[in-house]
């Protein structure tokens, strides 16, 4: 049985998770301008996710970084809304429930930070991810929200998230 851990990103993860992200985008021919492939923050996610109300999770399987996903309070999003960002998973770990596990962890983070909506941007090249988002209850929007700067993404989705009781 695999040893599976979802843990917060540490500085030492930067190079490996940047490589995972770029490997996946290249695999799906989505390594184009206006995506995280060319975003300079991709090389230092640890610093990016020190932003208040953000969180990035590393999926570690048997001591290997298999993927990651996070939430980020993207500028311009409505109050109560954050963005699901940088969800990537290496091919050998797909179709085993790990993508859903990462989304569920991000939704838990959303709730813990008091958000009630989670938004994402994607592109048609990432068909597998789109199917996963749909299964997790995301619905399509007609246009973008916020100012992510990722003009290469031309599909947008949102999910309502139940807020946690104040007395938890």
N, C-alpha and C. Protein backbone atom coordinates (compact mmCIF):
# COMPACT_ATOMS: atom_id res chain seq x y z
N UNK A 1 0.85 -1.19 0.00
CA UNK A 1 0.00 0.00 0.00
C UNK A 1 0.88 1.24 0.00
N UNK A 2 0.53 2.20 -0.80
CA UNK A 2 1.32 3.43 -0.93
C UNK A 2 1.18 4.30 0.32
N UNK A 3 2.26 5.00 0.65
CA UNK A 3 2.26 5.98 1.73
C UNK A 3 1.92 7.33 1.11
N UNK A 4 0.69 7.81 1.34
CA UNK A 4 0.18 9.02 0.71
C UNK A 4 0.07 10.14 1.74
N UNK A 5 0.67 11.28 1.42
CA UNK A 5 0.61 12.44 2.30
C UNK A 5 0.25 13.68 1.50
N UNK A 6 -0.67 14.46 2.00
CA UNK A 6 -0.96 15.79 1.47
C UNK A 6 -0.45 16.76 2.53
N UNK A 7 0.57 17.52 2.18
CA UNK A 7 1.21 18.39 3.17
C UNK A 7 1.42 19.77 2.58
N UNK A 8 1.54 20.78 3.45
CA UNK A 8 1.84 22.13 2.95
C UNK A 8 3.18 22.17 2.23
N UNK A 9 3.27 23.01 1.22
CA UNK A 9 4.51 23.17 0.47
C UNK A 9 5.62 23.71 1.38
N UNK A 10 6.84 23.25 1.12
CA UNK A 10 8.03 23.81 1.78
C UNK A 10 8.96 24.33 0.67
N UNK A 11 9.88 25.19 1.04
CA UNK A 11 10.78 25.81 0.05
C UNK A 11 11.50 24.76 -0.79
N UNK A 12 11.91 23.66 -0.18
CA UNK A 12 12.64 22.61 -0.90
C UNK A 12 11.82 21.95 -2.00
N UNK A 13 10.51 22.16 -2.02
CA UNK A 13 9.64 21.58 -3.05
C UNK A 13 9.62 22.40 -4.34
N UNK A 14 10.10 23.64 -4.31
CA UNK A 14 9.93 24.56 -5.43
C UNK A 14 10.34 23.98 -6.78
N UNK A 15 11.55 23.49 -6.90
CA UNK A 15 12.03 23.01 -8.20
C UNK A 15 11.25 21.79 -8.69
N UNK A 16 10.95 20.88 -7.78
CA UNK A 16 10.25 19.66 -8.19
C UNK A 16 8.83 19.94 -8.62
N UNK A 17 8.09 20.75 -7.85
CA UNK A 17 6.70 21.00 -8.24
C UNK A 17 6.64 21.85 -9.50
N UNK A 18 7.59 22.76 -9.71
CA UNK A 18 7.63 23.53 -10.96
C UNK A 18 7.85 22.59 -12.14
N UNK A 19 8.70 21.59 -11.95
CA UNK A 19 8.95 20.61 -13.00
C UNK A 19 7.69 19.77 -13.28
N UNK A 20 6.98 19.37 -12.24
CA UNK A 20 5.73 18.62 -12.41
C UNK A 20 4.75 19.45 -13.24
N UNK A 21 4.57 20.71 -12.87
CA UNK A 21 3.62 21.58 -13.57
C UNK A 21 3.99 21.71 -15.05
N UNK A 22 5.25 21.98 -15.32
CA UNK A 22 5.66 22.18 -16.72
C UNK A 22 5.63 20.87 -17.51
N UNK A 23 5.93 19.76 -16.86
CA UNK A 23 5.86 18.45 -17.51
C UNK A 23 4.43 18.15 -17.95
N UNK A 24 3.47 18.38 -17.06
CA UNK A 24 2.06 18.10 -17.37
C UNK A 24 1.57 19.03 -18.48
N UNK A 25 1.88 20.31 -18.38
CA UNK A 25 1.44 21.25 -19.43
C UNK A 25 2.04 20.88 -20.79
N UNK A 26 3.29 20.46 -20.82
CA UNK A 26 3.94 20.04 -22.07
C UNK A 26 3.25 18.78 -22.61
N UNK A 27 2.96 17.83 -21.72
CA UNK A 27 2.29 16.59 -22.12
C UNK A 27 0.99 16.87 -22.88
N UNK A 28 0.23 17.86 -22.43
CA UNK A 28 -1.06 18.16 -23.04
C UNK A 28 -0.98 19.30 -24.07
N UNK A 29 0.25 19.65 -24.45
CA UNK A 29 0.47 20.73 -25.43
C UNK A 29 -0.21 22.03 -24.99
N UNK A 30 -0.15 22.27 -23.68
CA UNK A 30 -0.73 23.48 -23.10
C UNK A 30 0.36 24.39 -22.53
N UNK A 31 1.58 24.17 -23.00
CA UNK A 31 2.73 24.98 -22.56
C UNK A 31 2.82 26.22 -23.43
N UNK A 32 1.85 27.11 -23.24
CA UNK A 32 1.73 28.27 -24.10
C UNK A 32 1.73 29.55 -23.27
N UNK A 33 2.01 30.68 -23.90
CA UNK A 33 1.98 31.96 -23.18
C UNK A 33 0.61 32.19 -22.54
N UNK A 34 0.64 32.87 -21.40
CA UNK A 34 -0.59 33.17 -20.70
C UNK A 34 -1.03 32.06 -19.76
N UNK A 35 -0.14 31.08 -19.53
CA UNK A 35 -0.41 29.99 -18.59
C UNK A 35 0.67 30.00 -17.52
N UNK A 36 0.49 29.15 -16.51
CA UNK A 36 1.49 29.07 -15.44
C UNK A 36 2.83 28.54 -15.94
N UNK A 37 2.84 27.95 -17.13
CA UNK A 37 4.10 27.47 -17.70
C UNK A 37 5.13 28.60 -17.75
N UNK A 38 4.67 29.79 -18.14
CA UNK A 38 5.57 30.94 -18.27
C UNK A 38 5.47 31.92 -17.11
N UNK A 39 4.65 31.62 -16.12
CA UNK A 39 4.47 32.50 -14.97
C UNK A 39 5.71 32.38 -14.07
N UNK A 40 6.42 33.49 -13.81
CA UNK A 40 7.63 33.40 -12.99
C UNK A 40 7.38 32.91 -11.56
N UNK A 41 6.16 33.05 -11.06
CA UNK A 41 5.88 32.57 -9.70
C UNK A 41 5.90 31.05 -9.62
N UNK A 42 5.80 30.36 -10.75
CA UNK A 42 5.81 28.89 -10.76
C UNK A 42 7.11 28.34 -10.19
N UNK A 43 8.19 29.10 -10.30
CA UNK A 43 9.48 28.63 -9.79
C UNK A 43 9.68 28.88 -8.31
N UNK A 44 8.75 29.59 -7.67
CA UNK A 44 8.85 29.85 -6.24
C UNK A 44 7.46 29.83 -5.61
N UNK A 45 6.80 28.71 -5.72
CA UNK A 45 5.45 28.59 -5.17
C UNK A 45 5.44 28.74 -3.66
N UNK A 46 6.53 28.33 -3.01
CA UNK A 46 6.59 28.47 -1.56
C UNK A 46 6.38 29.93 -1.15
N UNK A 47 7.06 30.85 -1.82
CA UNK A 47 6.90 32.27 -1.50
C UNK A 47 5.51 32.77 -1.90
N UNK A 48 5.04 32.38 -3.08
CA UNK A 48 3.72 32.80 -3.54
C UNK A 48 2.65 32.41 -2.53
N UNK A 49 2.74 31.22 -2.00
CA UNK A 49 1.71 30.72 -1.09
C UNK A 49 1.97 31.08 0.37
N UNK A 50 2.84 32.06 0.58
CA UNK A 50 2.93 32.67 1.91
C UNK A 50 1.95 33.84 1.99
N UNK A 51 1.27 34.14 0.88
CA UNK A 51 0.23 35.17 0.82
C UNK A 51 -0.90 34.79 1.79
N UNK A 52 -1.38 35.74 2.59
CA UNK A 52 -2.50 35.42 3.49
C UNK A 52 -3.69 34.86 2.71
N UNK A 53 -4.39 33.93 3.34
CA UNK A 53 -5.58 33.26 2.81
C UNK A 53 -5.27 32.35 1.62
N UNK A 54 -4.00 32.02 1.43
CA UNK A 54 -3.63 31.06 0.38
C UNK A 54 -3.10 29.79 1.04
N UNK A 55 -3.06 28.72 0.27
CA UNK A 55 -2.53 27.45 0.77
C UNK A 55 -2.16 26.59 -0.43
N UNK A 56 -1.00 25.94 -0.39
CA UNK A 56 -0.64 25.00 -1.45
C UNK A 56 -0.30 23.66 -0.81
N UNK A 57 -0.87 22.63 -1.38
CA UNK A 57 -0.69 21.27 -0.88
C UNK A 57 0.15 20.45 -1.85
N UNK A 58 1.12 19.76 -1.33
CA UNK A 58 1.97 18.84 -2.09
C UNK A 58 1.45 17.42 -1.85
N UNK A 59 1.23 16.70 -2.94
CA UNK A 59 0.86 15.29 -2.86
C UNK A 59 2.14 14.47 -2.92
N UNK A 60 2.47 13.84 -1.82
CA UNK A 60 3.68 13.03 -1.68
C UNK A 60 3.25 11.57 -1.62
N UNK A 61 3.74 10.78 -2.56
CA UNK A 61 3.42 9.36 -2.58
C UNK A 61 4.72 8.58 -2.50
N UNK A 62 4.87 7.85 -1.43
CA UNK A 62 6.09 7.07 -1.18
C UNK A 62 7.35 7.92 -1.31
N UNK A 63 7.28 9.14 -0.80
CA UNK A 63 8.46 10.02 -0.79
C UNK A 63 8.71 10.77 -2.09
N UNK A 64 7.81 10.65 -3.06
CA UNK A 64 7.97 11.33 -4.34
C UNK A 64 6.85 12.36 -4.51
N UNK A 65 7.20 13.55 -4.97
CA UNK A 65 6.18 14.56 -5.24
C UNK A 65 5.45 14.14 -6.52
N UNK A 66 4.16 13.80 -6.35
CA UNK A 66 3.34 13.32 -7.45
C UNK A 66 2.49 14.42 -8.05
N UNK A 67 2.30 15.49 -7.29
CA UNK A 67 1.46 16.58 -7.76
C UNK A 67 1.25 17.60 -6.67
N UNK A 68 0.33 18.52 -6.96
CA UNK A 68 0.01 19.55 -5.98
C UNK A 68 -1.20 20.35 -6.43
N UNK A 69 -1.74 21.11 -5.49
CA UNK A 69 -2.89 21.97 -5.77
C UNK A 69 -3.01 22.98 -4.65
N UNK A 70 -3.62 24.12 -4.97
CA UNK A 70 -3.76 25.14 -3.94
C UNK A 70 -4.95 26.04 -4.15
N UNK A 71 -5.10 26.94 -3.17
CA UNK A 71 -6.11 27.99 -3.27
C UNK A 71 -5.39 29.32 -3.13
N UNK A 72 -5.95 30.34 -3.79
CA UNK A 72 -5.30 31.65 -3.78
C UNK A 72 -6.37 32.75 -3.86
N UNK A 73 -6.22 33.80 -3.05
CA UNK A 73 -7.17 34.91 -3.09
C UNK A 73 -6.86 35.86 -4.25
N UNK A 74 -7.11 35.43 -5.44
CA UNK A 74 -6.78 36.18 -6.65
C UNK A 74 -7.42 37.56 -6.63
N UNK A 75 -6.61 38.55 -6.99
CA UNK A 75 -7.08 39.93 -7.05
C UNK A 75 -8.27 40.03 -7.99
N UNK A 76 -9.29 40.77 -7.56
CA UNK A 76 -10.44 41.02 -8.41
C UNK A 76 -11.58 40.03 -8.26
N UNK A 77 -11.38 38.95 -7.51
CA UNK A 77 -12.48 38.02 -7.28
C UNK A 77 -13.46 38.63 -6.29
N UNK A 78 -14.74 38.28 -6.40
CA UNK A 78 -15.73 38.81 -5.45
C UNK A 78 -15.42 38.37 -4.01
N UNK A 79 -15.92 39.15 -3.07
CA UNK A 79 -15.76 38.80 -1.66
C UNK A 79 -16.30 37.39 -1.43
N UNK A 80 -15.57 36.59 -0.67
CA UNK A 80 -15.99 35.23 -0.37
C UNK A 80 -15.56 34.20 -1.39
N UNK A 81 -14.82 34.63 -2.41
CA UNK A 81 -14.41 33.73 -3.49
C UNK A 81 -12.89 33.67 -3.56
N UNK A 82 -12.35 32.48 -3.74
CA UNK A 82 -10.92 32.32 -4.00
C UNK A 82 -10.76 31.41 -5.22
N UNK A 83 -9.53 31.24 -5.64
CA UNK A 83 -9.27 30.47 -6.86
C UNK A 83 -8.57 29.15 -6.54
N UNK A 84 -9.01 28.08 -7.18
CA UNK A 84 -8.31 26.80 -7.17
C UNK A 84 -7.20 26.93 -8.20
N UNK A 85 -5.96 26.76 -7.78
CA UNK A 85 -4.84 27.03 -8.67
C UNK A 85 -3.83 25.88 -8.70
N UNK A 86 -3.15 25.80 -9.82
CA UNK A 86 -1.99 24.93 -10.00
C UNK A 86 -2.22 23.50 -9.52
N UNK A 87 -3.33 22.92 -9.99
CA UNK A 87 -3.61 21.51 -9.70
C UNK A 87 -3.00 20.69 -10.83
N UNK A 88 -1.95 19.97 -10.50
CA UNK A 88 -1.25 19.14 -11.49
C UNK A 88 -0.89 17.81 -10.86
N UNK A 89 -0.93 16.76 -11.68
CA UNK A 89 -0.66 15.41 -11.21
C UNK A 89 0.10 14.66 -12.31
N UNK A 90 1.20 14.04 -11.94
CA UNK A 90 1.99 13.27 -12.92
C UNK A 90 1.15 12.11 -13.47
N UNK A 91 1.40 11.72 -14.73
CA UNK A 91 0.55 10.72 -15.40
C UNK A 91 0.41 9.39 -14.66
N UNK A 92 1.47 8.92 -14.04
CA UNK A 92 1.40 7.60 -13.40
C UNK A 92 0.51 7.58 -12.15
N UNK A 93 0.07 8.74 -11.70
CA UNK A 93 -0.78 8.82 -10.51
C UNK A 93 -2.23 9.18 -10.82
N UNK A 94 -2.55 9.31 -12.09
CA UNK A 94 -3.90 9.69 -12.49
C UNK A 94 -4.85 8.51 -12.45
N UNK A 95 -6.13 8.83 -12.39
CA UNK A 95 -7.22 7.83 -12.39
C UNK A 95 -7.14 6.89 -11.18
N UNK A 96 -6.64 7.43 -10.08
CA UNK A 96 -6.54 6.65 -8.84
C UNK A 96 -7.18 7.40 -7.67
N UNK A 97 -7.86 8.51 -7.98
CA UNK A 97 -8.54 9.28 -6.94
C UNK A 97 -7.71 10.39 -6.32
N UNK A 98 -6.46 10.54 -6.76
CA UNK A 98 -5.59 11.56 -6.14
C UNK A 98 -6.00 12.99 -6.52
N UNK A 99 -6.46 13.18 -7.74
CA UNK A 99 -6.93 14.51 -8.14
C UNK A 99 -8.11 14.95 -7.29
N UNK A 100 -9.05 14.05 -7.11
CA UNK A 100 -10.21 14.35 -6.27
C UNK A 100 -9.77 14.60 -4.83
N UNK A 101 -8.84 13.82 -4.34
CA UNK A 101 -8.30 14.02 -2.99
C UNK A 101 -7.72 15.43 -2.83
N UNK A 102 -6.97 15.89 -3.83
CA UNK A 102 -6.39 17.23 -3.76
C UNK A 102 -7.47 18.31 -3.80
N UNK A 103 -8.48 18.12 -4.64
CA UNK A 103 -9.58 19.09 -4.70
C UNK A 103 -10.31 19.14 -3.36
N UNK A 104 -10.56 17.98 -2.77
CA UNK A 104 -11.25 17.95 -1.47
C UNK A 104 -10.42 18.67 -0.40
N UNK A 105 -9.11 18.49 -0.44
CA UNK A 105 -8.24 19.18 0.52
C UNK A 105 -8.29 20.68 0.30
N UNK A 106 -8.32 21.11 -0.95
CA UNK A 106 -8.41 22.54 -1.25
C UNK A 106 -9.77 23.10 -0.80
N UNK A 107 -10.83 22.34 -0.98
CA UNK A 107 -12.15 22.80 -0.53
C UNK A 107 -12.17 22.93 0.99
N UNK A 108 -11.53 22.01 1.67
CA UNK A 108 -11.40 22.11 3.13
C UNK A 108 -10.65 23.40 3.51
N UNK A 109 -9.60 23.73 2.77
CA UNK A 109 -8.86 24.97 3.00
C UNK A 109 -9.74 26.19 2.76
N UNK A 110 -10.54 26.13 1.69
CA UNK A 110 -11.47 27.21 1.36
C UNK A 110 -12.40 27.45 2.56
N UNK A 111 -12.96 26.38 3.08
CA UNK A 111 -13.86 26.49 4.22
C UNK A 111 -13.14 27.04 5.45
N UNK A 112 -11.94 26.55 5.70
CA UNK A 112 -11.18 27.01 6.87
C UNK A 112 -10.83 28.49 6.78
N UNK A 113 -10.71 29.01 5.57
CA UNK A 113 -10.40 30.43 5.38
C UNK A 113 -11.66 31.29 5.25
N UNK A 114 -12.83 30.66 5.34
CA UNK A 114 -14.08 31.41 5.33
C UNK A 114 -14.63 31.77 3.97
N UNK A 115 -14.08 31.21 2.90
CA UNK A 115 -14.60 31.45 1.56
C UNK A 115 -15.86 30.62 1.34
N UNK A 116 -16.73 31.06 0.44
CA UNK A 116 -17.95 30.32 0.13
C UNK A 116 -18.05 29.94 -1.35
N UNK A 117 -17.05 30.36 -2.15
CA UNK A 117 -16.99 29.98 -3.56
C UNK A 117 -15.54 29.69 -3.92
N UNK A 118 -15.39 28.75 -4.85
CA UNK A 118 -14.06 28.46 -5.38
C UNK A 118 -14.17 28.50 -6.91
N UNK A 119 -13.30 29.27 -7.51
CA UNK A 119 -13.29 29.55 -8.94
C UNK A 119 -12.04 28.92 -9.53
N UNK A 120 -12.09 28.55 -10.80
CA UNK A 120 -10.89 28.06 -11.47
C UNK A 120 -10.89 28.46 -12.93
N UNK A 121 -9.69 28.46 -13.49
CA UNK A 121 -9.50 28.70 -14.92
C UNK A 121 -8.77 27.50 -15.50
N UNK A 122 -9.20 27.09 -16.68
CA UNK A 122 -8.57 25.95 -17.33
C UNK A 122 -8.62 26.14 -18.84
N UNK A 123 -8.29 25.11 -19.58
CA UNK A 123 -8.28 25.20 -21.05
C UNK A 123 -8.68 23.86 -21.64
N UNK A 124 -9.20 23.86 -22.87
CA UNK A 124 -9.69 22.62 -23.49
C UNK A 124 -8.64 21.51 -23.55
N UNK A 125 -7.37 21.87 -23.64
CA UNK A 125 -6.31 20.85 -23.72
C UNK A 125 -6.30 19.94 -22.48
N UNK A 126 -6.82 20.44 -21.37
CA UNK A 126 -6.80 19.68 -20.12
C UNK A 126 -8.14 18.98 -19.89
N UNK A 127 -8.56 18.18 -20.86
CA UNK A 127 -9.86 17.50 -20.82
C UNK A 127 -10.05 16.65 -19.57
N UNK A 128 -9.02 15.92 -19.17
CA UNK A 128 -9.13 15.06 -17.98
C UNK A 128 -9.45 15.89 -16.75
N UNK A 129 -8.79 17.03 -16.62
CA UNK A 129 -9.02 17.90 -15.47
C UNK A 129 -10.44 18.45 -15.51
N UNK A 130 -10.90 18.83 -16.69
CA UNK A 130 -12.25 19.38 -16.81
C UNK A 130 -13.29 18.36 -16.35
N UNK A 131 -13.10 17.11 -16.72
CA UNK A 131 -14.00 16.05 -16.29
C UNK A 131 -13.99 15.90 -14.77
N UNK A 132 -12.81 15.97 -14.19
CA UNK A 132 -12.68 15.88 -12.72
C UNK A 132 -13.40 17.05 -12.05
N UNK A 133 -13.20 18.25 -12.58
CA UNK A 133 -13.86 19.42 -11.99
C UNK A 133 -15.38 19.26 -12.04
N UNK A 134 -15.88 18.78 -13.17
CA UNK A 134 -17.32 18.56 -13.30
C UNK A 134 -17.81 17.55 -12.27
N UNK A 135 -17.08 16.45 -12.11
CA UNK A 135 -17.44 15.43 -11.12
C UNK A 135 -17.45 15.99 -9.70
N UNK A 136 -16.61 16.98 -9.45
CA UNK A 136 -16.50 17.58 -8.11
C UNK A 136 -17.49 18.73 -7.91
N UNK A 137 -18.38 18.96 -8.88
CA UNK A 137 -19.44 19.93 -8.70
C UNK A 137 -19.18 21.33 -9.24
N UNK A 138 -18.11 21.51 -9.99
CA UNK A 138 -17.85 22.81 -10.61
C UNK A 138 -18.76 22.97 -11.82
N UNK A 139 -19.23 24.19 -12.05
CA UNK A 139 -20.05 24.49 -13.22
C UNK A 139 -19.37 25.59 -14.04
N UNK A 140 -19.68 25.61 -15.33
CA UNK A 140 -19.03 26.54 -16.25
C UNK A 140 -19.60 27.95 -16.14
N UNK A 141 -18.72 28.91 -16.34
CA UNK A 141 -19.08 30.33 -16.40
C UNK A 141 -18.93 30.80 -17.84
N UNK A 142 -19.55 31.92 -18.17
CA UNK A 142 -19.45 32.47 -19.53
C UNK A 142 -18.18 33.28 -19.75
N UNK A 143 -17.53 33.68 -18.66
CA UNK A 143 -16.33 34.49 -18.79
C UNK A 143 -15.49 34.44 -17.53
N UNK A 144 -14.32 35.06 -17.55
CA UNK A 144 -13.41 35.01 -16.42
C UNK A 144 -13.85 35.93 -15.27
N UNK A 145 -13.33 35.62 -14.10
CA UNK A 145 -13.51 36.45 -12.91
C UNK A 145 -12.10 36.76 -12.39
N UNK A 146 -11.94 37.90 -11.79
CA UNK A 146 -10.65 38.22 -11.18
C UNK A 146 -9.59 38.57 -12.20
N UNK A 147 -8.39 38.76 -11.69
CA UNK A 147 -7.26 39.18 -12.52
C UNK A 147 -6.07 38.24 -12.35
N UNK A 148 -6.22 37.01 -12.80
CA UNK A 148 -5.15 36.02 -12.64
C UNK A 148 -3.96 36.30 -13.55
N UNK A 149 -4.21 36.98 -14.66
CA UNK A 149 -3.15 37.23 -15.63
C UNK A 149 -2.93 36.07 -16.58
N UNK A 150 -3.69 35.00 -16.44
CA UNK A 150 -3.52 33.82 -17.28
C UNK A 150 -4.48 33.88 -18.47
N UNK A 151 -4.15 34.72 -19.43
CA UNK A 151 -5.01 34.91 -20.59
C UNK A 151 -5.03 33.67 -21.50
N UNK A 152 -4.16 32.71 -21.28
CA UNK A 152 -4.14 31.47 -22.06
C UNK A 152 -5.23 30.49 -21.64
N UNK A 153 -5.89 30.77 -20.53
CA UNK A 153 -6.98 29.92 -20.07
C UNK A 153 -8.29 30.51 -20.57
N UNK A 154 -9.07 29.71 -21.28
CA UNK A 154 -10.29 30.24 -21.86
C UNK A 154 -11.54 29.47 -21.45
N UNK A 155 -11.44 28.74 -20.34
CA UNK A 155 -12.60 28.09 -19.73
C UNK A 155 -12.57 28.43 -18.24
N UNK A 156 -13.75 28.72 -17.69
CA UNK A 156 -13.84 29.18 -16.31
C UNK A 156 -14.95 28.42 -15.61
N UNK A 157 -14.71 28.07 -14.36
CA UNK A 157 -15.68 27.27 -13.60
C UNK A 157 -15.76 27.80 -12.17
N UNK A 158 -16.86 27.46 -11.51
CA UNK A 158 -17.06 27.90 -10.13
C UNK A 158 -17.81 26.82 -9.36
N UNK A 159 -17.61 26.82 -8.06
CA UNK A 159 -18.33 25.90 -7.18
C UNK A 159 -18.69 26.64 -5.90
N UNK A 160 -19.93 26.46 -5.48
CA UNK A 160 -20.36 26.98 -4.18
C UNK A 160 -19.85 26.01 -3.12
N UNK A 161 -19.40 26.57 -2.01
CA UNK A 161 -18.84 25.77 -0.93
C UNK A 161 -19.59 26.13 0.35
N UNK A 162 -20.03 25.12 1.07
CA UNK A 162 -20.71 25.39 2.33
C UNK A 162 -19.72 25.95 3.33
N UNK A 163 -20.12 27.00 4.01
CA UNK A 163 -19.25 27.56 5.04
C UNK A 163 -19.36 26.70 6.29
N UNK A 164 -18.29 26.71 7.06
CA UNK A 164 -18.26 25.93 8.30
C UNK A 164 -18.97 26.71 9.40
N UNK A 165 -19.60 26.01 10.34
CA UNK A 165 -20.25 26.71 11.45
C UNK A 165 -19.23 27.52 12.26
N UNK A 166 -19.65 28.67 12.73
CA UNK A 166 -18.75 29.57 13.47
C UNK A 166 -18.28 28.96 14.79
N UNK A 167 -19.03 28.03 15.35
CA UNK A 167 -18.68 27.46 16.65
C UNK A 167 -17.90 26.15 16.55
N UNK A 168 -17.31 25.87 15.43
CA UNK A 168 -16.61 24.58 15.25
C UNK A 168 -15.42 24.45 16.12
